[in-house]
Amino acid sequence: MVKVIGILGPMGSGKTTAAKYIQNKFGYTLITMGDLVRKLAAAEGLPPTRENLQKIQKIYTSKYGDTYFINEVIHEIREKKLEKAIIDGMRRVCDVTVPLEEFKNNILLILIDADPKIRFERIKKRGRPGAPKTFEEFKKQEKKEFELFNFEKSFSYAHVTIENNSDLDDFYRRVEETLKRYNFT
């Protein structure tokens, strides 16, 4: 029986940090939804800026339906017969509802969140293409993403929220406690 963990959260909250920790500590196979989009952007010769990735997502979901990317993830989990999978970067409502329907009681949705100013500082340090340079740009970019992906609705499906406003040791402790509480270790 497969166990699936879905990670949601706004930009810079620590989604990938949590996902990689779970992968390394508990042996989950990590599937990053953004990597699917980045591969498509690379194939089109586009740099992986947030704008280009959003454009690619829009093209593929317009052509193949809103569930295109999450169906690709579910197909990978089923095809590889994974026993433990973690999906990093669920965004759209269907990215959450489709796996909930598919995996029923064998999925744990974790919302990672943090104070906006902390998230902005993390994003600046990351230095990815198209990253906001000012806190005002960050807020505009985030507002656009909340509207584009209907984050409010997507995030409402989370079984649990982990705040990531402290240091890494505290964050990892919270992640581990959550997995133990829900029997997903």
Protein backbone atom coordinates (compact mmCIF):
# COMPACT_ATOMS: atom_id res chain seq x y z
CA MET A 1 0.00 0.00 0.00
CA VAL A 2 1.47 3.33 -1.08
CA LYS A 3 1.90 6.25 1.32
CA VAL A 4 1.92 9.69 -0.29
CA ILE A 5 2.81 13.01 1.29
CA GLY A 6 1.80 16.17 -0.53
CA ILE A 7 3.60 19.43 0.26
CA LEU A 8 1.85 22.76 -0.27
CA GLY A 9 2.79 26.29 0.62
CA PRO A 10 3.60 29.76 -0.64
CA MET A 11 6.95 30.58 -2.24
CA GLY A 12 9.91 30.53 0.13
CA SER A 13 8.05 28.70 2.89
CA GLY A 14 10.37 25.68 2.95
CA LYS A 15 8.45 23.14 0.86
CA THR A 16 11.51 21.69 -0.85
CA THR A 17 13.53 21.76 2.39
CA ALA A 18 10.80 19.68 4.07
CA ALA A 19 10.47 17.35 1.08
CA LYS A 20 14.22 16.66 0.89
CA TYR A 21 14.39 16.07 4.65
CA ILE A 22 11.54 13.53 4.43
CA GLN A 23 13.19 11.91 1.41
CA ASN A 24 16.53 11.51 3.18
CA LYS A 25 15.26 10.65 6.67
CA PHE A 26 12.33 8.38 5.83
CA GLY A 27 13.12 6.99 2.37
CA TYR A 28 10.35 8.65 0.38
CA THR A 29 10.78 9.08 -3.38
CA LEU A 30 10.64 12.80 -4.15
CA ILE A 31 8.62 14.02 -7.12
CA THR A 32 8.84 17.77 -7.67
CA MET A 33 5.99 19.14 -9.74
CA GLY A 34 8.02 22.19 -10.73
CA ASP A 35 10.64 19.91 -12.31
CA LEU A 36 8.04 18.67 -14.80
CA VAL A 37 7.37 22.27 -15.83
CA ARG A 38 11.09 23.17 -15.88
CA LYS A 39 11.79 20.24 -18.26
CA LEU A 40 9.10 21.47 -20.63
CA ALA A 41 10.44 25.03 -20.47
CA ALA A 42 13.96 23.77 -21.24
CA ALA A 43 12.62 21.79 -24.22
CA GLU A 44 11.06 25.04 -25.49
CA GLY A 45 14.37 26.88 -24.97
CA LEU A 46 12.92 29.14 -22.28
CA PRO A 47 14.86 30.20 -19.17
CA PRO A 48 13.13 28.94 -15.99
CA THR A 49 11.78 32.26 -14.74
CA ARG A 50 8.52 32.24 -12.75
CA GLU A 51 6.79 33.99 -15.67
CA ASN A 52 8.00 31.40 -18.20
CA LEU A 53 7.07 28.49 -15.95
CA GLN A 54 3.59 29.92 -15.42
CA LYS A 55 3.31 30.39 -19.20
CA ILE A 56 4.30 26.75 -19.84
CA GLN A 57 1.84 25.55 -17.21
CA LYS A 58 -0.92 27.54 -18.85
CA ILE A 59 -0.10 26.17 -22.32
CA TYR A 60 -0.11 22.54 -21.17
CA THR A 61 -3.20 22.81 -18.97
CA SER A 62 -5.06 24.62 -21.77
CA LYS A 63 -4.11 21.89 -24.20
CA TYR A 64 -4.42 18.79 -21.96
CA GLY A 65 -6.61 19.93 -19.06
CA ASP A 66 -6.00 21.26 -15.56
CA THR A 67 -5.06 17.81 -14.26
CA TYR A 68 -2.21 17.26 -16.76
CA PHE A 69 0.69 17.70 -14.32
CA ILE A 70 -0.82 15.90 -11.34
CA ASN A 71 -1.87 13.00 -13.59
CA GLU A 72 1.75 12.73 -14.73
CA VAL A 73 2.84 12.53 -11.07
CA ILE A 74 0.24 9.89 -10.20
CA HIS A 75 1.21 7.91 -13.29
CA GLU A 76 4.87 7.96 -12.14
CA ILE A 77 3.91 6.77 -8.63
CA ARG A 78 1.80 3.92 -10.05
CA GLU A 79 4.21 2.97 -12.87
CA LYS A 80 7.23 2.77 -10.55
CA LYS A 81 5.12 1.00 -7.88
CA LEU A 82 6.40 3.41 -5.24
CA GLU A 83 5.67 2.50 -1.64
CA LYS A 84 6.46 5.99 -0.30
CA ALA A 85 6.21 9.10 -2.44
CA ILE A 86 6.39 12.78 -1.63
CA ILE A 87 4.95 15.35 -4.02
CA ASP A 88 6.61 18.74 -3.67
CA GLY A 89 4.93 21.90 -4.92
CA MET A 90 1.25 21.11 -5.26
CA ARG A 91 -0.39 24.34 -6.38
CA ARG A 92 -3.74 24.07 -8.16
CA VAL A 93 -6.88 22.80 -6.47
CA CYS A 94 -6.82 19.73 -8.74
CA ASP A 95 -3.19 19.06 -7.68
CA VAL A 96 -4.71 18.38 -4.27
CA THR A 97 -8.15 16.92 -5.00
CA VAL A 98 -7.04 14.39 -7.64
CA PRO A 99 -4.46 12.68 -5.36
CA LEU A 100 -6.93 12.84 -2.44
CA GLU A 101 -9.39 10.88 -4.55
CA GLU A 102 -6.70 8.53 -5.90
CA PHE A 103 -4.95 7.69 -2.62
CA LYS A 104 -7.87 8.15 -0.16
CA ASN A 105 -6.59 7.61 3.42
CA ASN A 106 -3.01 6.99 2.25
CA ILE A 107 -2.16 10.62 1.62
CA LEU A 108 -1.08 13.32 4.06
CA LEU A 109 -1.24 16.94 2.87
CA ILE A 110 1.14 19.25 4.70
CA LEU A 111 0.97 23.02 4.34
CA ILE A 112 4.32 24.70 5.04
CA ASP A 113 4.08 28.39 5.86
CA ALA A 114 6.25 31.17 7.23
CA ASP A 115 6.16 34.89 7.84
CA PRO A 116 6.22 36.77 4.49
CA LYS A 117 9.38 38.75 5.35
CA ILE A 118 11.24 35.55 6.24
CA ARG A 119 10.08 33.97 2.97
CA PHE A 120 11.20 37.01 0.99
CA GLU A 121 14.70 36.83 2.54
CA ARG A 122 14.93 33.12 1.68
CA ILE A 123 13.95 33.80 -1.91
CA LYS A 124 16.57 36.55 -2.22
CA LYS A 125 19.26 34.14 -0.94
CA ARG A 126 18.15 31.46 -3.41
CA GLY A 127 18.76 33.82 -6.32
CA ARG A 128 16.61 32.04 -8.89
CA PRO A 129 15.87 33.74 -12.24
CA GLY A 130 12.93 36.13 -11.99
CA ALA A 131 13.05 36.30 -8.19
CA PRO A 132 11.65 39.52 -6.74
CA LYS A 133 14.28 42.06 -5.77
CA THR A 134 12.15 44.06 -3.32
CA PHE A 135 9.56 43.13 -0.72
CA GLU A 136 6.96 45.07 -2.76
CA GLU A 137 7.75 42.96 -5.85
CA PHE A 138 7.53 39.84 -3.67
CA LYS A 139 4.06 40.82 -2.43
CA LYS A 140 2.86 41.49 -6.00
CA GLN A 141 4.27 38.19 -7.25
CA GLU A 142 2.69 36.32 -4.36
CA LYS A 143 -0.70 38.01 -4.89
CA LYS A 144 -0.57 36.98 -8.55
CA GLU A 145 0.22 33.36 -7.60
CA PHE A 146 -2.55 33.24 -4.99
CA GLU A 147 -5.01 34.36 -7.66
CA LEU A 148 -3.60 32.26 -10.51
CA PHE A 149 -3.51 29.00 -8.55
CA ASN A 150 -6.38 29.69 -6.10
CA PHE A 151 -4.01 28.95 -3.20
CA GLU A 152 -6.61 29.80 -0.61
CA LYS A 153 -8.75 26.90 -1.80
CA SER A 154 -5.78 24.55 -2.43
CA PHE A 155 -4.33 25.22 1.02
CA SER A 156 -7.70 24.58 2.68
CA TYR A 157 -7.31 20.85 1.95
CA ALA A 158 -4.16 20.49 4.08
CA HIS A 159 -4.44 18.04 6.94
CA VAL A 160 -1.86 19.97 8.96
CA THR A 161 0.14 23.22 8.82
CA ILE A 162 3.77 23.47 9.88
CA GLU A 163 5.09 26.96 10.60
CA ASN A 164 8.68 27.47 9.45
CA ASN A 165 9.73 30.70 11.17
CA SER A 166 12.61 29.35 13.23
CA ASP A 167 15.86 27.48 12.57
CA LEU A 168 16.30 24.28 10.56
CA ASP A 169 16.60 21.99 13.59
CA ASP A 170 13.26 23.20 14.93
CA PHE A 171 11.66 22.88 11.49
CA TYR A 172 12.94 19.33 11.01
CA ARG A 173 11.69 18.42 14.49
CA ARG A 174 8.22 19.73 13.60
CA VAL A 175 8.20 17.82 10.31
CA GLU A 176 9.25 14.59 12.03
CA GLU A 177 6.66 15.00 14.81
CA THR A 178 3.96 15.53 12.20
CA LEU A 179 4.88 12.40 10.25
CA LYS A 180 4.92 10.35 13.45
CA ARG A 181 1.56 11.74 14.59
CA TYR A 182 -0.05 10.74 11.28
CA ASN A 183 1.85 7.41 10.96
CA PHE A 184 3.73 8.44 7.83
CA THR A 185 7.32 7.67 8.99
